[in-house]
Protein backbone atom coordinates (compact mmCIF):
# COMPACT_ATOMS: atom_id res chain seq x y z
CA MET A 1 82.40 122.61 68.82
CA THR A 2 82.07 120.52 72.02
CA ALA A 3 81.62 122.51 75.22
CA ALA A 4 84.76 122.39 77.38
CA LEU A 5 82.83 120.64 80.16
CA PHE A 6 82.03 117.74 77.88
CA ALA A 7 85.42 117.30 76.25
CA PRO A 8 87.19 114.01 77.04
CA MET A 9 90.11 114.04 79.46
CA GLN A 10 93.05 111.76 80.11
CA LEU A 11 93.45 110.83 83.78
CA GLY A 12 96.62 108.79 84.06
CA PRO A 13 95.82 105.50 82.29
CA LEU A 14 92.10 106.36 82.05
CA THR A 15 90.22 108.30 79.39
CA LEU A 16 87.18 110.04 80.87
CA PRO A 17 84.35 110.96 78.50
CA ASN A 18 83.82 114.40 80.07
CA ARG A 19 84.95 116.78 82.82
CA VAL A 20 82.01 116.17 85.20
CA ALA A 21 82.80 114.16 88.34
CA VAL A 22 80.53 112.96 91.11
CA PRO A 23 82.57 113.52 94.29
CA PRO A 24 82.50 111.24 97.34
CA MET A 25 79.48 112.09 99.51
CA CYS A 26 78.79 110.29 102.79
CA MET A 27 75.52 108.35 103.02
CA TYR A 28 76.01 106.96 106.57
CA SER A 29 74.12 103.83 105.54
CA ALA A 30 76.56 100.92 105.87
CA CYS A 31 76.61 98.19 108.54
CA ASP A 32 80.00 97.52 110.17
CA GLY A 33 81.60 98.96 107.07
CA SER A 34 79.61 96.88 104.59
CA VAL A 35 77.41 98.70 102.10
CA GLY A 36 73.96 97.27 101.39
CA ASP A 37 70.61 98.02 99.81
CA TRP A 38 70.95 101.81 99.97
CA HIS A 39 74.19 101.86 98.01
CA ARG A 40 72.95 99.29 95.49
CA ALA A 41 70.23 101.80 94.61
CA HIS A 42 72.18 105.03 95.17
CA LEU A 43 75.27 104.25 93.10
CA PRO A 44 73.40 103.11 89.96
CA THR A 45 71.42 106.36 90.09
CA LEU A 46 74.68 108.31 90.00
CA ALA A 47 76.09 105.95 87.36
CA MET A 48 73.20 106.75 84.99
CA SER A 49 73.86 110.48 85.33
CA GLY A 50 76.36 110.62 82.49
CA ALA A 51 79.16 111.99 84.68
CA GLY A 52 82.57 110.86 83.51
CA LEU A 53 83.71 109.70 86.96
CA VAL A 54 81.69 108.54 89.97
CA THR A 55 83.48 108.28 93.32
CA VAL A 56 82.26 106.18 96.22
CA GLU A 57 82.16 108.07 99.51
CA ALA A 58 84.86 108.21 102.21
CA THR A 59 85.61 104.57 103.01
CA GLY A 60 87.49 103.72 106.20
CA VAL A 61 90.69 101.74 105.84
CA GLU A 62 90.24 100.38 109.35
CA ARG A 63 87.22 100.05 111.61
CA ARG A 64 88.34 102.87 113.91
CA GLY A 65 88.89 105.04 110.84
CA ARG A 66 85.19 105.37 110.04
CA ILE A 67 83.45 108.65 110.82
CA THR A 68 80.26 106.98 112.10
CA HIS A 69 78.80 103.53 112.62
CA GLY A 70 77.12 103.99 109.23
CA CYS A 71 80.23 104.75 107.19
CA PRO A 72 81.58 102.17 104.74
CA GLY A 73 84.91 100.50 105.19
CA LEU A 74 87.28 98.34 103.21
CA TYR A 75 89.01 96.54 106.06
CA SER A 76 87.39 93.09 105.91
CA ASP A 77 86.46 90.40 103.42
CA ASP A 78 82.79 91.11 104.14
CA ASN A 79 83.34 94.79 103.28
CA GLU A 80 85.07 93.79 100.07
CA ARG A 81 82.31 91.42 98.96
CA ALA A 82 79.61 94.00 99.70
CA MET A 83 81.46 96.77 97.87
CA ARG A 84 81.98 94.51 94.86
CA ARG A 85 78.24 93.86 94.65
CA ALA A 86 77.53 97.59 94.83
CA LEU A 87 80.07 98.40 92.11
CA GLU A 88 78.71 95.65 89.88
CA SER A 89 75.22 97.13 90.29
CA ALA A 90 76.49 100.59 89.37
CA ARG A 91 78.38 99.35 86.30
CA ALA A 92 75.29 97.51 85.09
CA PHE A 93 73.44 100.82 84.77
CA ALA A 94 76.32 103.18 83.90
CA ALA A 95 76.56 105.16 80.71
CA PRO A 96 79.31 103.81 78.41
CA GLY A 97 82.76 105.00 79.41
CA THR A 98 81.86 105.90 83.00
CA ALA A 99 84.76 105.35 85.38
CA PHE A 100 84.47 104.56 89.08
CA SER A 101 86.76 105.48 91.94
CA ILE A 102 86.69 105.06 95.69
CA GLN A 103 87.88 107.50 98.33
CA LEU A 104 90.03 105.78 100.95
CA ALA A 105 90.01 107.58 104.25
CA HIS A 106 90.77 107.58 107.96
CA ALA A 107 88.67 109.94 110.08
CA GLY A 108 91.31 110.32 112.79
CA ARG A 109 90.14 112.51 115.67
CA LYS A 110 86.79 113.15 113.91
CA ALA A 111 85.88 109.45 114.06
CA SER A 112 83.47 107.84 116.52
CA ALA A 113 80.80 110.41 115.68
CA GLN A 114 77.03 110.36 115.38
CA ARG A 115 75.34 110.44 111.99
CA PRO A 116 74.34 114.02 111.08
CA TRP A 117 70.66 113.35 111.67
CA GLU A 118 71.50 111.96 115.11
CA GLY A 119 73.28 115.17 116.13
CA GLY A 120 76.71 114.86 114.53
CA GLY A 121 78.61 115.09 117.83
CA PRO A 122 80.94 112.54 119.38
CA LEU A 123 79.40 109.19 120.27
CA ALA A 124 78.49 108.69 123.91
CA THR A 125 79.75 105.65 125.79
CA ASP A 126 76.36 103.95 125.49
CA GLU A 127 76.42 104.53 121.71
CA ASP A 128 79.31 102.10 121.23
CA ALA A 129 81.98 104.79 120.97
CA TRP A 130 85.56 103.86 120.15
CA ALA A 131 88.97 105.37 120.85
CA THR A 132 90.26 107.75 118.17
CA VAL A 133 93.77 108.47 116.91
CA ALA A 134 95.50 111.58 115.54
CA PRO A 135 98.96 113.02 114.96
CA SER A 136 98.78 114.73 118.37
CA ALA A 137 96.56 114.38 121.45
CA ILE A 138 94.45 117.42 120.53
CA PRO A 139 90.65 117.01 120.41
CA PHE A 140 88.66 118.18 117.39
CA ALA A 141 86.56 120.56 119.47
CA GLU A 142 85.35 121.24 122.98
CA GLY A 143 83.45 118.23 124.26
CA TRP A 144 85.17 115.82 121.89
CA PRO A 145 87.42 113.07 123.27
CA VAL A 146 91.18 113.49 123.35
CA PRO A 147 92.63 111.24 120.63
CA GLN A 148 95.64 109.02 121.09
CA ALA A 149 98.74 110.32 119.30
CA LEU A 150 99.89 107.66 116.86
CA ASP A 151 103.18 106.03 117.85
CA ALA A 152 105.58 104.29 115.46
CA ALA A 153 103.60 101.05 115.49
CA GLY A 154 100.38 102.95 114.91
CA LEU A 155 101.83 104.78 111.92
CA ILE A 156 102.89 101.49 110.37
CA ARG A 157 99.46 99.96 111.04
CA VAL A 158 97.57 102.85 109.41
CA ARG A 159 99.92 103.03 106.44
CA GLU A 160 99.49 99.31 105.79
CA ALA A 161 95.72 99.64 106.24
CA PHE A 162 95.64 102.17 103.39
CA ALA A 163 97.77 99.88 101.20
CA GLN A 164 95.61 96.86 101.99
CA ALA A 165 92.42 98.80 101.25
CA ALA A 166 93.96 99.88 97.92
CA ARG A 167 94.64 96.24 97.07
CA ARG A 168 91.02 95.42 97.89
CA ALA A 169 89.84 98.31 95.69
CA ALA A 170 91.89 96.91 92.80
CA ARG A 171 90.46 93.42 93.28
CA ILE A 172 86.92 94.81 93.37
CA GLY A 173 87.45 96.48 90.00
CA PHE A 174 87.62 100.21 90.68
CA ASP A 175 89.31 102.35 88.04
CA ALA A 176 90.86 104.85 90.44
CA VAL A 177 91.59 105.55 94.10
CA GLU A 178 91.31 108.93 95.80
CA LEU A 179 93.06 109.50 99.13
CA HIS A 180 91.24 111.74 101.61
CA MET A 181 93.71 114.39 102.73
CA ALA A 182 91.13 117.06 103.55
CA HIS A 183 88.24 118.07 105.81
CA GLY A 184 90.11 117.60 109.08
CA TYR A 185 90.51 113.85 108.83
CA LEU A 186 93.70 112.01 109.71
CA LEU A 187 95.96 112.81 106.74
CA HIS A 188 94.86 116.45 106.71
CA ALA A 189 95.42 116.62 110.47
CA PHE A 190 99.02 115.54 109.93
CA CYS A 191 99.55 118.33 107.40
CA SER A 192 98.17 121.21 109.48
CA PRO A 193 100.29 122.83 112.22
CA LEU A 194 97.09 123.44 114.20
CA SER A 195 96.50 119.72 114.71
CA ASN A 196 100.03 118.36 114.37
CA GLN A 197 102.34 119.40 117.21
CA ARG A 198 104.63 116.39 117.11
CA ALA A 199 108.29 116.75 118.03
CA ASP A 200 109.49 113.82 115.89
CA GLY A 201 110.14 113.57 112.16
CA TYR A 202 106.41 113.62 111.42
CA GLY A 203 105.86 117.12 112.77
CA GLY A 204 107.44 120.55 112.87
CA SER A 205 108.26 121.83 109.39
CA ARG A 206 105.94 121.58 106.42
CA GLU A 207 108.07 118.72 105.09
CA GLY A 208 107.81 116.88 108.40
CA ARG A 209 104.04 117.33 108.59
CA MET A 210 103.60 116.05 105.03
CA ARG A 211 105.85 113.06 105.64
CA PHE A 212 103.23 110.58 106.82
CA PRO A 213 100.55 111.48 104.21
CA LEU A 214 103.20 111.06 101.51
CA GLU A 215 104.30 107.72 102.97
CA VAL A 216 100.68 106.62 102.73
CA ALA A 217 100.46 107.88 99.15
CA ARG A 218 103.55 105.98 98.09
CA ALA A 219 102.34 102.81 99.80
CA VAL A 220 99.02 103.05 97.97
CA ALA A 221 100.77 103.74 94.65
CA GLN A 222 102.84 100.59 95.10
CA ALA A 223 99.73 98.57 95.93
CA LEU A 224 97.84 99.54 92.76
CA PRO A 225 98.28 98.11 89.26
CA PRO A 226 99.41 100.46 86.44
CA SER A 227 95.91 100.33 84.97
CA MET A 228 94.49 102.34 87.90
CA ALA A 229 94.76 106.07 88.42
CA TRP A 230 95.21 107.56 91.87
CA GLY A 231 95.15 110.99 93.42
CA ALA A 232 93.93 112.85 96.48
CA ARG A 233 91.46 115.34 97.80
CA ILE A 234 93.59 117.98 99.48
CA THR A 235 92.98 121.10 101.53
CA GLY A 236 93.49 124.43 99.83
CA LYS A 237 93.08 126.41 103.04
CA ASP A 238 92.18 125.90 106.72
CA TRP A 239 90.45 129.31 106.87
CA ILE A 240 91.90 130.05 110.30
CA GLU A 241 94.99 131.94 111.42
CA GLY A 242 98.04 129.71 111.68
CA GLY A 243 96.48 127.01 109.51
CA LEU A 244 97.23 125.73 106.03
CA THR A 245 97.29 128.16 103.11
CA GLU A 246 97.34 127.95 99.31
CA ALA A 247 101.14 127.67 99.44
CA ASP A 248 100.81 124.50 101.52
CA ALA A 249 98.28 123.08 99.05
CA VAL A 250 100.69 123.72 96.20
CA ALA A 251 103.57 122.06 98.07
CA LEU A 252 101.49 118.95 98.85
CA ALA A 253 100.19 118.72 95.28
CA GLN A 254 103.71 118.97 93.88
CA ALA A 255 104.90 116.23 96.24
CA LEU A 256 101.95 114.01 95.26
CA GLU A 257 102.73 114.56 91.59
CA GLU A 258 106.32 113.50 92.23
CA ALA A 259 104.97 110.36 93.94
CA GLY A 260 102.98 109.47 90.82
CA ALA A 261 99.53 110.93 91.43
CA SER A 262 97.37 111.76 88.41
CA PHE A 263 95.01 114.26 90.03
CA VAL A 264 94.01 116.30 93.04
CA CYS A 265 90.64 117.66 94.09
CA VAL A 266 91.11 120.93 95.99
CA SER A 267 88.66 121.45 98.86
CA SER A 268 89.06 123.37 102.13
CA GLY A 269 88.07 123.70 105.78
CA GLY A 270 86.90 121.01 108.18
CA LEU A 271 89.89 121.04 110.52
CA THR A 272 88.19 122.97 113.30
CA PRO A 273 84.72 124.38 114.00
CA GLN A 274 86.37 127.76 114.59
CA ALA A 275 87.10 128.21 110.89
CA ARG A 276 85.08 130.94 109.19
CA ILE A 277 84.56 129.93 105.58
CA PRO A 278 83.17 132.54 103.15
CA THR A 279 80.96 130.15 101.22
CA GLY A 280 79.32 131.14 97.97
CA PRO A 281 79.10 129.89 94.38
CA GLY A 282 82.48 128.47 93.38
CA TYR A 283 84.14 129.72 96.58
CA GLN A 284 86.99 127.19 96.35
CA VAL A 285 87.77 127.51 92.64
CA HIS A 286 90.60 129.99 93.25
CA LEU A 287 92.31 127.35 95.40
CA ALA A 288 92.17 124.81 92.58
CA GLU A 289 93.43 127.48 90.19
CA ALA A 290 96.50 128.11 92.36
CA VAL A 291 97.37 124.40 92.34
CA LYS A 292 96.77 124.09 88.60
CA ARG A 293 99.21 126.92 87.88
CA ALA A 294 101.94 125.12 89.84
CA THR A 295 101.55 121.48 88.73
CA SER A 296 100.83 119.26 85.74
CA LEU A 297 98.23 117.28 87.66
CA LYS A 298 94.62 117.12 86.55
CA VAL A 299 93.11 119.54 89.07
CA ARG A 300 89.45 119.28 90.05
CA ALA A 301 87.45 122.16 91.48
CA VAL A 302 84.68 121.55 94.00
CA GLY A 303 82.31 123.56 96.17
CA LEU A 304 78.92 125.07 95.28
CA ILE A 305 79.32 124.52 91.56
CA ALA A 306 75.73 124.05 90.46
CA GLU A 307 75.09 125.71 87.08
CA ALA A 308 76.09 124.43 83.66
CA ASP A 309 77.51 127.76 82.46
CA GLN A 310 79.42 128.18 85.72
CA ALA A 311 80.98 124.71 85.47
CA ASN A 312 81.80 125.11 81.79
CA GLU A 313 83.45 128.50 82.36
CA ILE A 314 85.74 127.06 85.05
CA VAL A 315 87.05 124.46 82.61
CA ALA A 316 87.03 126.65 79.51
CA ALA A 317 88.99 129.39 81.28
CA GLY A 318 91.59 126.90 82.46
CA ARG A 319 90.90 127.52 86.13
CA ALA A 320 90.58 123.76 86.67
CA ASP A 321 90.68 120.69 84.43
CA TRP A 322 87.37 119.29 85.66
CA VAL A 323 84.68 119.93 88.25
CA ALA A 324 82.91 117.99 90.98
CA ILE A 325 79.13 118.31 91.11
CA GLY A 326 77.99 117.12 94.54
CA ARG A 327 74.88 118.52 96.21
CA ALA A 328 73.49 119.60 92.86
CA ILE A 329 73.60 116.03 91.56
CA LEU A 330 71.95 114.69 94.71
CA ASP A 331 69.20 117.23 94.11
CA ASP A 332 68.98 116.31 90.41
CA PRO A 333 70.68 113.01 89.47
CA ARG A 334 70.19 113.97 85.82
CA TRP A 335 72.26 117.17 86.22
CA PRO A 336 74.73 116.22 83.46
CA TRP A 337 71.82 115.68 81.05
CA ARG A 338 70.48 119.16 81.79
CA ALA A 339 73.97 120.67 81.53
CA ALA A 340 74.57 119.00 78.18
CA GLU A 341 71.27 120.33 76.87
CA ALA A 342 72.08 123.85 78.11
CA LEU A 343 75.50 123.75 76.44
CA GLY A 344 74.26 122.24 73.17
CA VAL A 345 75.81 118.81 73.70
CA GLU A 346 74.23 115.38 73.29
CA ALA A 347 73.62 113.88 76.74
CA ARG A 348 74.87 110.38 77.62
CA ARG A 349 71.53 108.78 78.44
CA PRO A 350 70.80 105.08 78.82
CA PRO A 351 68.96 103.97 75.64
CA GLN A 352 65.98 103.06 77.77
CA TYR A 353 65.58 106.77 78.57
CA ALA A 354 66.25 108.08 75.06
CA ARG A 355 62.61 109.09 74.63
CA ALA A 356 63.19 111.75 77.32
CA ALA A 357 65.71 113.61 75.13
CA PRO A 358 64.56 117.18 74.36
CA LYS A 359 64.72 116.56 70.60
CA VAL A 360 62.18 113.76 71.09
CA TRP A 361 60.08 115.18 73.92
CA ARG A 362 59.98 118.90 74.57
CA GLY A 363 58.25 118.65 77.91
CA ALA A 364 54.90 119.76 79.16
CA THR A 365 53.73 122.90 80.90
CA ILE A 366 52.60 122.29 84.47
CA PRO A 367 49.50 124.41 85.14
CA LYS A 368 49.94 127.02 87.84
CA GLY A 369 48.52 125.87 91.16
CA ALA A 370 48.76 122.20 90.20
């Protein structure tokens, strides 16, 4: 019998070969939003992993929506051409049946930041900083600039930027689109009462705070062809008093399902540095489980899932429909091969690498001290 982790899964119009997903992970290696050599090597490596779905990292729908100068975007023809080349490279090396998605995002008040290895703080004036936007004029943290609260024209501009980026993603040939509604970025910031203190129809009640993210979702849904799936990464919890809770995650997921989404990935945190997150193996799985109980969406769990048995148990027990393997797959891009072997399943290897299969080559012992 096939292990639950390696059973196929229907995702809207797509059939995925297994329940392993590579989540979007920032590489900070683009130039004015256009991906280049790094991504043309990085994405094929992930594509050969055997994961059923590979998602390109958070991609800004407008220039000011990028997190850093190195983050990709999909706001220009140059961006589109570069992303198409990267996707074509990935598909050329992908295991049969691998699907590709892209996460469309707007960093909001967390934009105009340094790359992590440059410090990760807000850009200084002499680092070509730019003005940021948010639901309310509340900075991300002490020392960060005060963002401009989006007015009516700004809301329309951002909503159309998401729709236009979705149209570009469809032209490029992606199979799915994921909207970033987590980690403190713009759409998450609208949802949370800690960052959204608007007095108009886009603030106040939970319904008001979800209004703009749902408008974006519907605009993206209308921009995509029926052959593409779409969904969102949402926040299961802000981990700070007065912030979003599991009940809010359920409400947003239900509204997204009503709007036509096929899936959600349930993450948490990122809204404020004051949050105290009790990290540990699978620390967010219970959040995904709460959403799964309340919707018919395909719900993905994410967060320190690193072992084959752990990932398989999450799916087999019905706690989530599929899992995202992030840091573990950066550490070992062949993680799905190892997991398949551990669970007694045939790995999806490129034929060029078939001689590395355990049934062909059992490995060698590395002498101690070597």
